[in-house]
Structure formats: structure tokens, C-alpha cells
N, C-alpha and C. Protein backbone atom coordinates (compact mmCIF):
# COMPACT_ATOMS: atom_id res chain seq x y z
N MET A 1 78.85 103.01 63.90
CA MET A 1 79.61 104.26 63.78
C MET A 1 79.93 104.81 65.16
N ALA A 2 81.18 105.13 65.40
CA ALA A 2 81.61 105.69 66.68
C ALA A 2 81.71 107.21 66.59
N GLN A 3 81.55 107.85 67.74
CA GLN A 3 81.78 109.28 67.87
C GLN A 3 83.15 109.45 68.50
N ILE A 4 84.10 110.02 67.78
CA ILE A 4 85.49 110.05 68.20
C ILE A 4 85.97 111.49 68.31
N ILE A 5 86.55 111.83 69.46
CA ILE A 5 87.12 113.16 69.69
C ILE A 5 88.62 113.02 69.83
N LEU A 6 89.37 113.71 68.99
CA LEU A 6 90.83 113.65 68.98
C LEU A 6 91.38 114.95 69.56
N VAL A 7 92.07 114.86 70.69
CA VAL A 7 92.55 116.05 71.41
C VAL A 7 94.06 116.17 71.21
N HIS A 8 94.48 117.30 70.66
CA HIS A 8 95.90 117.51 70.35
C HIS A 8 96.70 117.89 71.59
N GLY A 9 98.02 117.90 71.44
CA GLY A 9 98.92 118.26 72.52
C GLY A 9 99.51 119.65 72.35
N ALA A 10 100.60 119.90 73.05
CA ALA A 10 101.24 121.21 73.03
C ALA A 10 101.90 121.49 71.69
N TYR A 11 101.91 122.76 71.31
CA TYR A 11 102.52 123.28 70.08
C TYR A 11 101.78 122.81 68.83
N GLN A 12 100.57 122.29 69.00
CA GLN A 12 99.81 121.71 67.89
C GLN A 12 98.45 122.38 67.79
N GLY A 13 97.63 121.83 66.93
CA GLY A 13 96.23 122.18 66.80
C GLY A 13 95.52 120.96 66.27
N GLY A 14 94.25 121.09 65.99
CA GLY A 14 93.52 119.98 65.43
C GLY A 14 94.11 119.47 64.13
N TRP A 15 94.92 120.31 63.47
CA TRP A 15 95.54 119.94 62.19
C TRP A 15 96.36 118.66 62.28
N ILE A 16 96.96 118.39 63.46
CA ILE A 16 97.88 117.25 63.55
C ILE A 16 97.16 115.91 63.39
N TRP A 17 95.84 115.92 63.57
CA TRP A 17 95.06 114.69 63.47
C TRP A 17 94.53 114.44 62.06
N GLN A 18 94.85 115.27 61.09
CA GLN A 18 94.26 115.13 59.76
C GLN A 18 94.38 113.73 59.16
N PRO A 19 95.57 113.11 59.15
CA PRO A 19 95.67 111.77 58.54
C PRO A 19 94.79 110.73 59.23
N VAL A 20 94.77 110.73 60.56
CA VAL A 20 93.96 109.77 61.31
C VAL A 20 92.48 110.05 61.12
N ALA A 21 92.11 111.33 61.15
CA ALA A 21 90.70 111.69 60.98
C ALA A 21 90.18 111.24 59.62
N ARG A 22 91.00 111.41 58.58
CA ARG A 22 90.57 110.98 57.24
C ARG A 22 90.30 109.47 57.22
N ILE A 23 91.19 108.71 57.84
CA ILE A 23 91.04 107.25 57.86
C ILE A 23 89.77 106.86 58.61
N LEU A 24 89.56 107.45 59.77
CA LEU A 24 88.41 107.10 60.59
C LEU A 24 87.10 107.51 59.92
N ARG A 25 87.10 108.66 59.27
CA ARG A 25 85.88 109.10 58.57
C ARG A 25 85.59 108.20 57.38
N ARG A 26 86.64 107.77 56.71
CA ARG A 26 86.47 106.85 55.58
C ARG A 26 85.84 105.54 56.05
N ARG A 27 86.10 105.18 57.28
CA ARG A 27 85.52 103.96 57.85
C ARG A 27 84.11 104.18 58.40
N GLY A 28 83.62 105.40 58.31
CA GLY A 28 82.25 105.68 58.70
C GLY A 28 82.05 106.30 60.06
N HIS A 29 83.15 106.66 60.73
CA HIS A 29 83.03 107.23 62.07
C HIS A 29 82.81 108.75 62.02
N ASP A 30 82.21 109.27 63.07
CA ASP A 30 82.00 110.71 63.24
C ASP A 30 83.18 111.23 64.05
N VAL A 31 84.00 112.08 63.47
CA VAL A 31 85.27 112.47 64.08
C VAL A 31 85.33 113.98 64.29
N PHE A 32 85.77 114.37 65.49
CA PHE A 32 85.94 115.78 65.85
C PHE A 32 87.40 116.03 66.20
N THR A 33 87.97 117.11 65.65
CA THR A 33 89.37 117.45 65.91
C THR A 33 89.47 118.91 66.35
N PRO A 34 88.97 119.24 67.52
CA PRO A 34 88.96 120.65 67.94
C PRO A 34 90.37 121.21 68.14
N THR A 35 90.55 122.46 67.76
CA THR A 35 91.76 123.19 68.11
C THR A 35 91.47 123.97 69.38
N LEU A 36 92.32 123.79 70.39
CA LEU A 36 92.08 124.38 71.69
C LEU A 36 92.43 125.88 71.70
N ASP A 37 91.82 126.57 72.63
CA ASP A 37 91.95 128.02 72.78
C ASP A 37 93.43 128.44 72.83
N GLY A 38 93.80 129.41 72.00
CA GLY A 38 95.15 129.94 71.99
C GLY A 38 96.16 129.15 71.19
N CYS A 39 95.69 128.12 70.49
CA CYS A 39 96.59 127.24 69.73
C CYS A 39 96.33 127.34 68.23
N ALA A 40 97.37 127.08 67.43
CA ALA A 40 97.25 126.99 65.96
C ALA A 40 96.44 128.16 65.40
N GLU A 41 95.35 127.86 64.66
CA GLU A 41 94.57 128.94 64.06
C GLU A 41 93.86 129.82 65.07
N ARG A 42 93.89 129.40 66.34
CA ARG A 42 93.31 130.20 67.41
C ARG A 42 94.39 130.91 68.24
N ALA A 43 95.62 130.94 67.74
CA ALA A 43 96.72 131.57 68.46
C ALA A 43 96.48 133.07 68.64
N HIS A 44 95.71 133.67 67.75
CA HIS A 44 95.43 135.11 67.89
C HIS A 44 94.54 135.38 69.10
N GLN A 45 93.94 134.33 69.67
CA GLN A 45 93.10 134.49 70.86
C GLN A 45 93.89 134.31 72.16
N LEU A 46 95.20 134.11 72.03
CA LEU A 46 96.03 133.87 73.21
C LEU A 46 95.90 135.03 74.20
N ARG A 47 95.68 134.69 75.47
CA ARG A 47 95.47 135.69 76.51
C ARG A 47 95.69 135.01 77.86
N SER A 48 95.70 135.76 78.92
CA SER A 48 95.82 135.16 80.24
C SER A 48 94.52 134.44 80.59
N GLY A 49 94.64 133.46 81.45
CA GLY A 49 93.45 132.75 81.88
C GLY A 49 93.17 131.45 81.15
N ILE A 50 93.98 131.11 80.12
CA ILE A 50 93.81 129.83 79.44
C ILE A 50 94.57 128.77 80.23
N THR A 51 93.87 127.74 80.66
CA THR A 51 94.47 126.67 81.45
C THR A 51 94.05 125.32 80.90
N THR A 52 94.62 124.27 81.45
CA THR A 52 94.16 122.92 81.10
C THR A 52 92.67 122.78 81.37
N GLU A 53 92.21 123.39 82.45
CA GLU A 53 90.81 123.27 82.83
C GLU A 53 89.89 124.02 81.86
N THR A 54 90.31 125.19 81.39
CA THR A 54 89.46 125.90 80.41
C THR A 54 89.47 125.17 79.07
N HIS A 55 90.60 124.58 78.71
CA HIS A 55 90.64 123.75 77.51
C HIS A 55 89.67 122.58 77.63
N ALA A 56 89.69 121.94 78.79
CA ALA A 56 88.80 120.79 79.00
C ALA A 56 87.33 121.22 78.98
N ASP A 57 87.05 122.38 79.52
CA ASP A 57 85.67 122.88 79.48
C ASP A 57 85.18 122.99 78.04
N GLU A 58 86.07 123.45 77.15
CA GLU A 58 85.71 123.56 75.74
C GLU A 58 85.34 122.21 75.15
N VAL A 59 86.12 121.19 75.48
CA VAL A 59 85.86 119.85 74.93
C VAL A 59 84.56 119.28 75.51
N ALA A 60 84.34 119.49 76.80
CA ALA A 60 83.10 119.03 77.41
C ALA A 60 81.89 119.73 76.79
N GLU A 61 82.04 121.02 76.51
CA GLU A 61 80.94 121.76 75.87
C GLU A 61 80.72 121.29 74.45
N LEU A 62 81.80 120.94 73.74
CA LEU A 62 81.66 120.37 72.40
C LEU A 62 80.78 119.13 72.44
N MET A 63 81.02 118.27 73.42
CA MET A 63 80.22 117.05 73.53
C MET A 63 78.75 117.36 73.75
N PHE A 64 78.47 118.38 74.54
CA PHE A 64 77.08 118.77 74.78
C PHE A 64 76.44 119.34 73.52
N TYR A 65 77.09 120.31 72.91
CA TYR A 65 76.47 121.00 71.77
C TYR A 65 76.38 120.12 70.52
N GLN A 66 77.27 119.14 70.40
CA GLN A 66 77.23 118.23 69.26
C GLN A 66 76.45 116.94 69.57
N ASP A 67 75.80 116.91 70.74
CA ASP A 67 74.99 115.75 71.13
C ASP A 67 75.79 114.45 71.10
N ILE A 68 77.02 114.52 71.57
CA ILE A 68 77.87 113.33 71.65
C ILE A 68 77.55 112.62 72.95
N THR A 69 77.10 111.39 72.86
CA THR A 69 76.64 110.67 74.04
C THR A 69 77.44 109.41 74.34
N ASP A 70 78.32 108.99 73.44
CA ASP A 70 79.05 107.73 73.61
C ASP A 70 80.45 107.88 73.01
N ALA A 71 81.21 108.84 73.52
CA ALA A 71 82.45 109.26 72.87
C ALA A 71 83.61 108.31 73.12
N ILE A 72 84.39 108.10 72.08
CA ILE A 72 85.75 107.59 72.22
C ILE A 72 86.65 108.82 72.22
N MET A 73 87.26 109.10 73.35
CA MET A 73 88.13 110.26 73.46
C MET A 73 89.58 109.83 73.36
N VAL A 74 90.35 110.56 72.56
CA VAL A 74 91.76 110.26 72.35
C VAL A 74 92.57 111.51 72.68
N GLY A 75 93.55 111.37 73.54
CA GLY A 75 94.43 112.48 73.86
C GLY A 75 95.87 112.08 73.60
N THR A 76 96.64 113.00 73.05
CA THR A 76 98.06 112.76 72.83
C THR A 76 98.87 113.81 73.55
N SER A 77 100.04 113.42 74.06
CA SER A 77 100.94 114.33 74.75
C SER A 77 100.19 115.07 75.86
N SER A 78 100.30 116.40 75.94
CA SER A 78 99.59 117.14 76.98
C SER A 78 98.08 117.10 76.78
N GLY A 79 97.63 116.68 75.62
CA GLY A 79 96.19 116.52 75.39
C GLY A 79 95.58 115.44 76.26
N GLY A 80 96.42 114.54 76.80
CA GLY A 80 95.91 113.55 77.74
C GLY A 80 95.37 114.20 78.99
N MET A 81 96.00 115.28 79.44
CA MET A 81 95.53 116.02 80.61
C MET A 81 94.18 116.66 80.33
N VAL A 82 94.06 117.25 79.16
CA VAL A 82 92.80 117.90 78.77
C VAL A 82 91.69 116.86 78.67
N MET A 83 92.00 115.73 78.04
CA MET A 83 91.01 114.68 77.88
C MET A 83 90.52 114.18 79.23
N ALA A 84 91.43 113.96 80.17
CA ALA A 84 91.04 113.45 81.48
C ALA A 84 90.10 114.42 82.18
N ARG A 85 90.43 115.68 82.15
CA ARG A 85 89.58 116.68 82.81
C ARG A 85 88.21 116.78 82.12
N ALA A 86 88.20 116.77 80.79
CA ALA A 86 86.94 116.84 80.06
C ALA A 86 86.08 115.61 80.34
N ALA A 87 86.72 114.45 80.39
CA ALA A 87 85.98 113.22 80.68
C ALA A 87 85.39 113.26 82.09
N GLU A 88 86.15 113.77 83.02
CA GLU A 88 85.66 113.93 84.39
C GLU A 88 84.43 114.84 84.41
N GLN A 89 84.46 115.89 83.61
CA GLN A 89 83.35 116.85 83.58
C GLN A 89 82.11 116.29 82.90
N ALA A 90 82.29 115.36 81.97
CA ALA A 90 81.16 114.86 81.16
C ALA A 90 81.17 113.33 81.17
N ARG A 91 81.26 112.75 82.35
CA ARG A 91 81.41 111.29 82.47
C ARG A 91 80.32 110.52 81.72
N GLU A 92 79.11 111.03 81.76
CA GLU A 92 77.97 110.31 81.16
C GLU A 92 78.03 110.28 79.64
N ARG A 93 78.92 111.05 79.04
CA ARG A 93 79.02 111.11 77.58
C ARG A 93 80.20 110.32 77.03
N VAL A 94 80.96 109.66 77.89
CA VAL A 94 82.21 109.02 77.48
C VAL A 94 82.09 107.50 77.51
N GLN A 95 82.45 106.88 76.39
CA GLN A 95 82.49 105.42 76.32
C GLN A 95 83.87 104.88 76.64
N ARG A 96 84.91 105.49 76.04
CA ARG A 96 86.26 104.94 76.15
C ARG A 96 87.29 106.04 76.05
N LEU A 97 88.42 105.86 76.73
CA LEU A 97 89.53 106.80 76.69
C LEU A 97 90.76 106.11 76.09
N VAL A 98 91.47 106.86 75.23
CA VAL A 98 92.70 106.35 74.63
C VAL A 98 93.81 107.37 74.89
N PHE A 99 94.82 106.97 75.64
CA PHE A 99 95.98 107.81 75.90
C PHE A 99 97.06 107.43 74.89
N ALA A 100 97.25 108.26 73.88
CA ALA A 100 98.18 107.98 72.79
C ALA A 100 99.50 108.70 73.06
N ASP A 101 100.45 107.99 73.71
CA ASP A 101 101.71 108.59 74.14
C ASP A 101 101.43 109.89 74.89
N ALA A 102 100.55 109.78 75.87
CA ALA A 102 99.95 110.96 76.50
C ALA A 102 100.28 111.08 77.98
N LEU A 103 100.22 112.30 78.46
CA LEU A 103 100.33 112.58 79.88
C LEU A 103 98.99 112.33 80.57
N ALA A 104 99.07 111.72 81.75
CA ALA A 104 97.87 111.52 82.58
C ALA A 104 98.27 111.87 84.01
N LEU A 105 98.11 113.12 84.37
CA LEU A 105 98.60 113.61 85.65
C LEU A 105 97.60 113.35 86.77
N LEU A 106 98.13 113.19 87.96
CA LEU A 106 97.30 113.11 89.15
C LEU A 106 96.91 114.53 89.58
N ASP A 107 95.86 114.63 90.36
CA ASP A 107 95.43 115.93 90.86
C ASP A 107 96.59 116.62 91.57
N GLY A 108 96.89 117.86 91.14
CA GLY A 108 97.97 118.63 91.75
C GLY A 108 99.32 118.48 91.09
N GLU A 109 99.48 117.51 90.18
CA GLU A 109 100.73 117.39 89.44
C GLU A 109 100.78 118.40 88.30
N ARG A 110 101.98 118.71 87.86
CA ARG A 110 102.18 119.58 86.71
C ARG A 110 103.12 118.87 85.73
N ILE A 111 103.16 119.37 84.51
CA ILE A 111 103.96 118.71 83.48
C ILE A 111 105.42 118.56 83.91
N GLY A 112 105.96 119.59 84.57
CA GLY A 112 107.36 119.55 85.00
C GLY A 112 107.68 118.44 85.98
N ASP A 113 106.66 117.88 86.63
CA ASP A 113 106.90 116.76 87.54
C ASP A 113 107.21 115.47 86.77
N ILE A 114 106.83 115.43 85.51
CA ILE A 114 106.95 114.22 84.70
C ILE A 114 107.96 114.39 83.56
N VAL A 115 107.95 115.56 82.94
CA VAL A 115 108.70 115.79 81.71
C VAL A 115 109.68 116.94 81.92
N GLN A 116 110.92 116.73 81.50
CA GLN A 116 111.90 117.81 81.47
C GLN A 116 111.81 118.49 80.11
N ARG A 117 111.36 119.75 80.10
CA ARG A 117 111.10 120.43 78.84
C ARG A 117 112.17 121.48 78.55
N ARG A 118 112.41 121.68 77.25
CA ARG A 118 113.26 122.77 76.80
C ARG A 118 112.34 123.88 76.31
N THR A 119 112.30 124.98 77.06
CA THR A 119 111.39 126.07 76.68
C THR A 119 112.12 127.42 76.75
N PRO A 120 113.07 127.63 75.83
CA PRO A 120 113.78 128.92 75.86
C PRO A 120 112.89 130.10 75.53
N ILE A 121 111.75 129.86 74.91
CA ILE A 121 110.78 130.94 74.69
C ILE A 121 109.75 130.85 75.80
N ASP A 122 109.71 131.86 76.63
CA ASP A 122 108.79 131.86 77.78
C ASP A 122 108.29 133.28 77.98
N THR A 123 107.13 133.55 77.45
CA THR A 123 106.52 134.87 77.56
C THR A 123 105.46 134.85 78.67
N PRO A 124 104.90 136.00 79.03
CA PRO A 124 103.84 135.98 80.05
C PRO A 124 102.63 135.15 79.65
N LEU A 125 102.46 134.88 78.35
CA LEU A 125 101.26 134.17 77.89
C LEU A 125 101.54 132.80 77.30
N ALA A 126 102.74 132.56 76.78
CA ALA A 126 102.99 131.31 76.05
C ALA A 126 104.42 130.84 76.28
N SER A 127 104.64 129.56 76.01
CA SER A 127 105.98 129.02 76.14
C SER A 127 106.18 127.91 75.11
N GLY A 128 107.46 127.56 74.90
CA GLY A 128 107.77 126.49 73.96
C GLY A 128 109.17 126.63 73.41
N PRO A 129 109.60 125.65 72.65
CA PRO A 129 110.93 125.71 72.03
C PRO A 129 110.93 126.64 70.83
N PRO A 130 112.09 127.16 70.44
CA PRO A 130 112.17 127.95 69.22
C PRO A 130 112.00 127.06 68.00
N ARG A 131 111.71 127.66 66.86
CA ARG A 131 111.46 126.88 65.65
C ARG A 131 112.67 126.03 65.27
N SER A 132 113.89 126.50 65.56
CA SER A 132 115.07 125.70 65.24
C SER A 132 115.08 124.40 66.01
N ASP A 133 114.59 124.42 67.25
CA ASP A 133 114.53 123.21 68.06
C ASP A 133 113.41 122.29 67.58
N VAL A 134 112.34 122.89 67.11
CA VAL A 134 111.26 122.10 66.53
C VAL A 134 111.77 121.35 65.30
N THR A 135 112.53 122.06 64.48
CA THR A 135 113.08 121.47 63.26
C THR A 135 114.09 120.37 63.58
N GLY A 136 114.99 120.63 64.53
CA GLY A 136 116.09 119.72 64.79
C GLY A 136 115.79 118.64 65.81
N ARG A 137 114.68 118.78 66.57
CA ARG A 137 114.42 117.81 67.63
C ARG A 137 112.98 117.29 67.61
N LEU A 138 112.00 118.18 67.83
CA LEU A 138 110.62 117.73 67.99
C LEU A 138 110.12 116.94 66.79
N PHE A 139 110.31 117.49 65.60
CA PHE A 139 109.80 116.85 64.39
C PHE A 139 110.91 116.23 63.55
N ALA A 140 112.07 116.00 64.17
CA ALA A 140 113.23 115.53 63.41
C ALA A 140 113.03 114.16 62.79
N ASP A 141 112.21 113.31 63.42
CA ASP A 141 112.06 111.94 62.91
C ASP A 141 110.95 111.81 61.88
N LEU A 142 110.26 112.91 61.56
CA LEU A 142 109.23 112.86 60.53
C LEU A 142 109.87 112.89 59.15
N GLU A 143 109.25 112.24 58.20
CA GLU A 143 109.74 112.24 56.83
C GLU A 143 109.08 113.36 56.03
N GLU A 144 109.79 113.82 55.02
CA GLU A 144 109.22 114.83 54.12
C GLU A 144 108.18 114.17 53.21
N PRO A 145 107.14 114.90 52.82
CA PRO A 145 106.88 116.32 53.07
C PRO A 145 106.15 116.59 54.38
N VAL A 146 105.85 115.54 55.15
CA VAL A 146 105.09 115.72 56.39
C VAL A 146 105.86 116.59 57.38
N ARG A 147 107.19 116.41 57.41
CA ARG A 147 108.00 117.17 58.36
C ARG A 147 107.87 118.67 58.13
N SER A 148 108.04 119.13 56.92
CA SER A 148 107.92 120.56 56.63
C SER A 148 106.50 121.07 56.87
N TRP A 149 105.54 120.23 56.54
CA TRP A 149 104.12 120.58 56.76
C TRP A 149 103.85 120.81 58.24
N ALA A 150 104.38 119.94 59.09
CA ALA A 150 104.16 120.07 60.53
C ALA A 150 104.92 121.26 61.11
N ILE A 151 106.16 121.45 60.70
CA ILE A 151 106.96 122.57 61.20
C ILE A 151 106.29 123.89 60.90
N ALA A 152 105.71 124.02 59.73
CA ALA A 152 105.05 125.27 59.34
C ALA A 152 103.84 125.57 60.22
N ARG A 153 103.29 124.56 60.90
CA ARG A 153 102.07 124.73 61.69
C ARG A 153 102.33 124.78 63.19
N TYR A 154 103.57 124.68 63.60
CA TYR A 154 103.94 124.75 65.01
C TYR A 154 103.61 126.12 65.59
N THR A 155 103.06 126.14 66.79
CA THR A 155 102.83 127.39 67.53
C THR A 155 103.18 127.17 68.99
N LEU A 156 103.48 128.24 69.70
CA LEU A 156 103.68 128.17 71.14
C LEU A 156 102.38 127.73 71.82
N HIS A 157 102.50 127.30 73.08
CA HIS A 157 101.34 126.79 73.83
C HIS A 157 101.04 127.74 74.99
N PRO A 158 99.77 127.90 75.34
CA PRO A 158 99.44 128.75 76.48
C PRO A 158 100.25 128.38 77.73
N ARG A 159 100.86 129.36 78.33
CA ARG A 159 101.85 129.14 79.38
C ARG A 159 101.29 128.41 80.60
N ALA A 160 100.13 128.81 81.05
CA ALA A 160 99.57 128.22 82.27
C ALA A 160 99.31 126.72 82.10
N CYS A 161 98.97 126.30 80.90
CA CYS A 161 98.73 124.87 80.66
C CYS A 161 100.01 124.06 80.89
N MET A 162 101.14 124.67 80.64
CA MET A 162 102.41 123.98 80.75
C MET A 162 102.98 124.03 82.18
N ASN A 163 102.55 125.02 82.97
CA ASN A 163 103.21 125.26 84.26
C ASN A 163 102.33 125.03 85.48
N GLN A 164 101.04 125.19 85.36
CA GLN A 164 100.17 125.08 86.52
C GLN A 164 99.80 123.62 86.81
N PRO A 165 99.59 123.28 88.08
CA PRO A 165 99.12 121.93 88.42
C PRO A 165 97.70 121.71 87.90
N VAL A 166 97.40 120.47 87.55
CA VAL A 166 96.06 120.16 87.04
C VAL A 166 95.10 119.93 88.20
N GLU A 167 93.82 120.12 87.91
CA GLU A 167 92.76 119.87 88.88
C GLU A 167 91.94 118.68 88.40
N LEU A 168 92.07 117.57 89.10
CA LEU A 168 91.32 116.35 88.76
C LEU A 168 90.82 115.73 90.06
N LYS A 169 89.70 116.22 90.54
CA LYS A 169 89.20 115.79 91.84
C LYS A 169 88.50 114.43 91.80
N ARG A 170 87.96 114.05 90.62
CA ARG A 170 87.17 112.82 90.56
C ARG A 170 87.69 111.79 89.56
N PHE A 171 88.52 112.20 88.62
CA PHE A 171 88.88 111.33 87.51
C PHE A 171 89.42 109.99 87.96
N TRP A 172 90.38 110.00 88.87
CA TRP A 172 91.08 108.77 89.23
C TRP A 172 90.26 107.84 90.12
N SER A 173 89.17 108.35 90.67
CA SER A 173 88.29 107.49 91.47
C SER A 173 87.13 106.95 90.65
N GLN A 174 87.00 107.41 89.40
CA GLN A 174 85.94 106.93 88.53
C GLN A 174 86.42 105.71 87.74
N SER A 175 85.48 104.95 87.24
CA SER A 175 85.78 103.75 86.46
C SER A 175 85.78 104.09 84.97
N TRP A 176 86.83 103.65 84.26
CA TRP A 176 86.96 103.98 82.84
C TRP A 176 87.32 102.74 82.03
N ASP A 177 86.78 102.68 80.81
CA ASP A 177 87.27 101.75 79.81
C ASP A 177 88.38 102.49 79.07
N ALA A 178 89.61 102.08 79.28
CA ALA A 178 90.74 102.88 78.79
C ALA A 178 91.80 102.02 78.13
N ALA A 179 92.57 102.67 77.26
CA ALA A 179 93.72 102.05 76.61
C ALA A 179 94.88 103.03 76.64
N VAL A 180 96.08 102.50 76.78
CA VAL A 180 97.30 103.31 76.75
C VAL A 180 98.15 102.82 75.59
N ILE A 181 98.58 103.75 74.74
CA ILE A 181 99.44 103.43 73.61
C ILE A 181 100.80 104.07 73.86
N TRP A 182 101.80 103.24 74.07
CA TRP A 182 103.17 103.73 74.27
C TRP A 182 103.92 103.67 72.95
N CYS A 183 104.49 104.80 72.56
CA CYS A 183 105.31 104.86 71.35
C CYS A 183 106.76 104.61 71.77
N THR A 184 107.31 103.49 71.35
CA THR A 184 108.56 102.99 71.90
C THR A 184 109.78 103.85 71.59
N ASP A 185 109.71 104.67 70.53
CA ASP A 185 110.83 105.53 70.18
C ASP A 185 110.70 106.93 70.77
N SER A 186 109.68 107.14 71.58
CA SER A 186 109.42 108.44 72.18
C SER A 186 110.06 108.53 73.56
N VAL A 187 110.63 109.67 73.88
CA VAL A 187 111.27 109.88 75.18
C VAL A 187 110.27 110.39 76.21
N ASN A 188 109.42 111.30 75.81
CA ASN A 188 108.45 111.90 76.71
C ASN A 188 107.04 111.80 76.15
N PRO A 189 106.04 111.49 77.01
CA PRO A 189 106.22 111.14 78.42
C PRO A 189 106.88 109.78 78.57
N PRO A 190 107.65 109.59 79.64
CA PRO A 190 108.42 108.35 79.78
C PRO A 190 107.54 107.12 79.91
N GLU A 191 108.12 105.97 79.58
CA GLU A 191 107.38 104.71 79.67
C GLU A 191 106.83 104.49 81.08
N SER A 192 107.63 104.83 82.10
CA SER A 192 107.19 104.61 83.48
C SER A 192 105.91 105.37 83.79
N HIS A 193 105.79 106.59 83.26
CA HIS A 193 104.58 107.37 83.48
C HIS A 193 103.38 106.71 82.80
N GLN A 194 103.59 106.24 81.59
CA GLN A 194 102.47 105.64 80.86
C GLN A 194 102.07 104.29 81.46
N ARG A 195 103.03 103.56 82.00
CA ARG A 195 102.68 102.31 82.69
C ARG A 195 101.91 102.62 83.99
N ARG A 196 102.24 103.71 84.64
CA ARG A 196 101.45 104.13 85.81
C ARG A 196 100.01 104.38 85.42
N THR A 197 99.80 105.06 84.29
CA THR A 197 98.45 105.32 83.80
C THR A 197 97.70 104.02 83.58
N ALA A 198 98.34 103.09 82.88
CA ALA A 198 97.69 101.81 82.58
C ALA A 198 97.37 101.05 83.85
N ARG A 199 98.28 101.07 84.80
CA ARG A 199 98.08 100.33 86.06
C ARG A 199 96.92 100.94 86.86
N MET A 200 96.91 102.24 86.98
CA MET A 200 95.90 102.89 87.81
C MET A 200 94.51 102.81 87.21
N LEU A 201 94.44 102.77 85.88
CA LEU A 201 93.14 102.70 85.22
C LEU A 201 92.74 101.28 84.84
N GLY A 202 93.64 100.33 85.05
CA GLY A 202 93.36 98.97 84.58
C GLY A 202 93.19 98.95 83.07
N ALA A 203 94.00 99.77 82.39
CA ALA A 203 93.84 99.98 80.95
C ALA A 203 94.57 98.92 80.14
N ARG A 204 94.08 98.70 78.93
CA ARG A 204 94.78 97.85 77.97
C ARG A 204 96.07 98.54 77.53
N TRP A 205 97.11 97.78 77.30
CA TRP A 205 98.43 98.31 76.94
C TRP A 205 98.75 97.94 75.50
N HIS A 206 99.11 98.96 74.72
CA HIS A 206 99.52 98.73 73.33
C HIS A 206 100.84 99.45 73.09
N GLU A 207 101.62 98.94 72.16
CA GLU A 207 102.89 99.56 71.80
C GLU A 207 102.94 99.79 70.30
N LEU A 208 103.46 100.95 69.91
CA LEU A 208 103.72 101.25 68.51
C LEU A 208 105.19 101.58 68.35
N ASP A 209 105.82 100.98 67.37
CA ASP A 209 107.24 101.19 67.10
C ASP A 209 107.40 102.47 66.29
N THR A 210 107.33 103.59 66.99
CA THR A 210 107.42 104.89 66.33
C THR A 210 107.72 105.96 67.38
N GLY A 211 107.85 107.22 66.93
CA GLY A 211 108.13 108.32 67.83
C GLY A 211 106.87 108.94 68.41
N HIS A 212 107.00 110.16 68.89
CA HIS A 212 105.95 110.81 69.68
C HIS A 212 104.76 111.29 68.85
N TYR A 213 104.85 111.18 67.54
CA TYR A 213 103.76 111.68 66.68
C TYR A 213 103.20 110.54 65.83
N PRO A 214 102.59 109.54 66.46
CA PRO A 214 102.09 108.38 65.70
C PRO A 214 100.98 108.74 64.73
N MET A 215 100.29 109.84 65.00
CA MET A 215 99.23 110.26 64.07
C MET A 215 99.79 110.72 62.73
N LEU A 216 101.09 111.03 62.69
CA LEU A 216 101.74 111.43 61.44
C LEU A 216 102.61 110.32 60.86
N THR A 217 103.10 109.42 61.70
CA THR A 217 104.01 108.37 61.22
C THR A 217 103.33 107.02 61.04
N ARG A 218 102.31 106.73 61.86
CA ARG A 218 101.63 105.44 61.78
C ARG A 218 100.11 105.64 61.86
N PRO A 219 99.55 106.47 60.97
CA PRO A 219 98.12 106.81 61.11
C PRO A 219 97.18 105.62 60.98
N GLU A 220 97.45 104.68 60.10
CA GLU A 220 96.58 103.52 59.94
C GLU A 220 96.58 102.67 61.21
N ASP A 221 97.76 102.41 61.74
CA ASP A 221 97.86 101.60 62.95
C ASP A 221 97.20 102.29 64.13
N LEU A 222 97.40 103.59 64.24
CA LEU A 222 96.78 104.33 65.34
C LEU A 222 95.26 104.34 65.19
N ALA A 223 94.78 104.51 63.98
CA ALA A 223 93.33 104.48 63.75
C ALA A 223 92.76 103.13 64.14
N ASP A 224 93.47 102.04 63.85
CA ASP A 224 93.01 100.70 64.24
C ASP A 224 92.85 100.60 65.75
N LEU A 225 93.83 101.10 66.49
CA LEU A 225 93.78 101.03 67.95
C LEU A 225 92.67 101.91 68.51
N ILE A 226 92.48 103.07 67.93
CA ILE A 226 91.43 103.98 68.40
C ILE A 226 90.05 103.36 68.23
N ALA A 227 89.82 102.82 67.07
CA ALA A 227 88.49 102.27 66.76
C ALA A 227 88.28 100.90 67.37
N GLY A 228 89.34 100.30 67.89
CA GLY A 228 89.20 99.03 68.57
C GLY A 228 89.21 97.82 67.67
N PHE A 229 89.74 97.95 66.42
CA PHE A 229 89.78 96.81 65.51
C PHE A 229 90.99 95.94 65.84
């Protein structure tokens, strides 16, 4: 039985991992799907001071309090940044990292260095696309009823996480057992960025013929890659 932590990306919450989590739990694994501060059901907690680093601190603390000692960590989209920072903070508790169509920034990089984002909603605390853009672009390739289910759960993301440079002083100099999953129909993060991640980490390379949300479109295949079958 593996201990698996699934870290969501921007505009999401732990809810987005439901199909994959069900599959992995059915196979006997211990699965955690935390919703990060200020996101989804925790959107009412949105405030200044939420950053990629505070998100990562939450995940590292989860590993401590849940006695997770041999984690398979999975990050998708901007959750890759959170996963990297959390893994850096709790290196002794991590067995393997899986970047599932995920960002993996170098120390001092920010999302805007890699991804061109459409964020017409930009408040002092949160940013993101309007719901019409979510409907017509972000989740456009999902099939019903999953598409409507996901759209109803979309929330803005804490602003600093999207705009501030990440702090990763040790991650890239540490040794990791890692895998990168590139979703071939996804535009962001670009293939070149994900190949950089694989090259720098010496990670295994996998491809899925799907869009940016493989946990909703190809949950069985993604679960296979996560668990290493």
C-alpha cells in the first residue's frame, strides 16, 4: 500500500482528484487530496499572505501530522510548484514525485515566465479567468456531466501564488525519483517546460493523449502512472 498525496492546481480544490482518488483507494492505497488555503471550500479563508510557500507548508505539515513517511507526491498544473516546495521541506518523507502536466519552476521564477495567462479578474487577493472563459476554454474539452460538475466548482486562486516568484533553495540540487506526465493536447505548461523538468531531474517521461485535466478525462491511466503499474 502506498501513501499518495494529490496536489491540485489553480482554480481547483481537492475535489478535482475525486475520480483518481477513488481508483487508487479501491486498489488499497492511502490517498490524501488536500484543498489548499483560499481555494474551493476554503475560499472563504482567502486573505493576504497566501503564497506558494504557505501552501507548501500546509502539505509538509500534513505529512507530519498524518505520519506519512514514504509519500508518492503528485502535482498538477501550478500544484507542481507547491509539491516541489513541500518535498524540499520534508525530503525525508518523500519516496517519489509525479509532475502531471505540471509546472516545475526554478528558484526565482514565476508562472508568468512560463505561461501566458488570461486573468481579466484580478483583485487584491485573487486572480483568474471569468466563469465564461472557464466554460468556453479551460474546461471546454471535458464531456458532460463532468464538465458542468467541474465548472460549478471553479474558484479564483490566491493572487500571490500566481504572481510572486517561487522560493526553492534546495529542491533542484537534491536527488529525486521522479516522473513527468505530458498531456499532449494541453497547451500549458508547454512541452518544452516539462521536458526541462524531466531533463533536470533525470525523470521518467510519460505521455497521455488528453488535455490539461487528465484526472477527469483519463483517471484510470493516470492512476496507473501514479502507482507505478
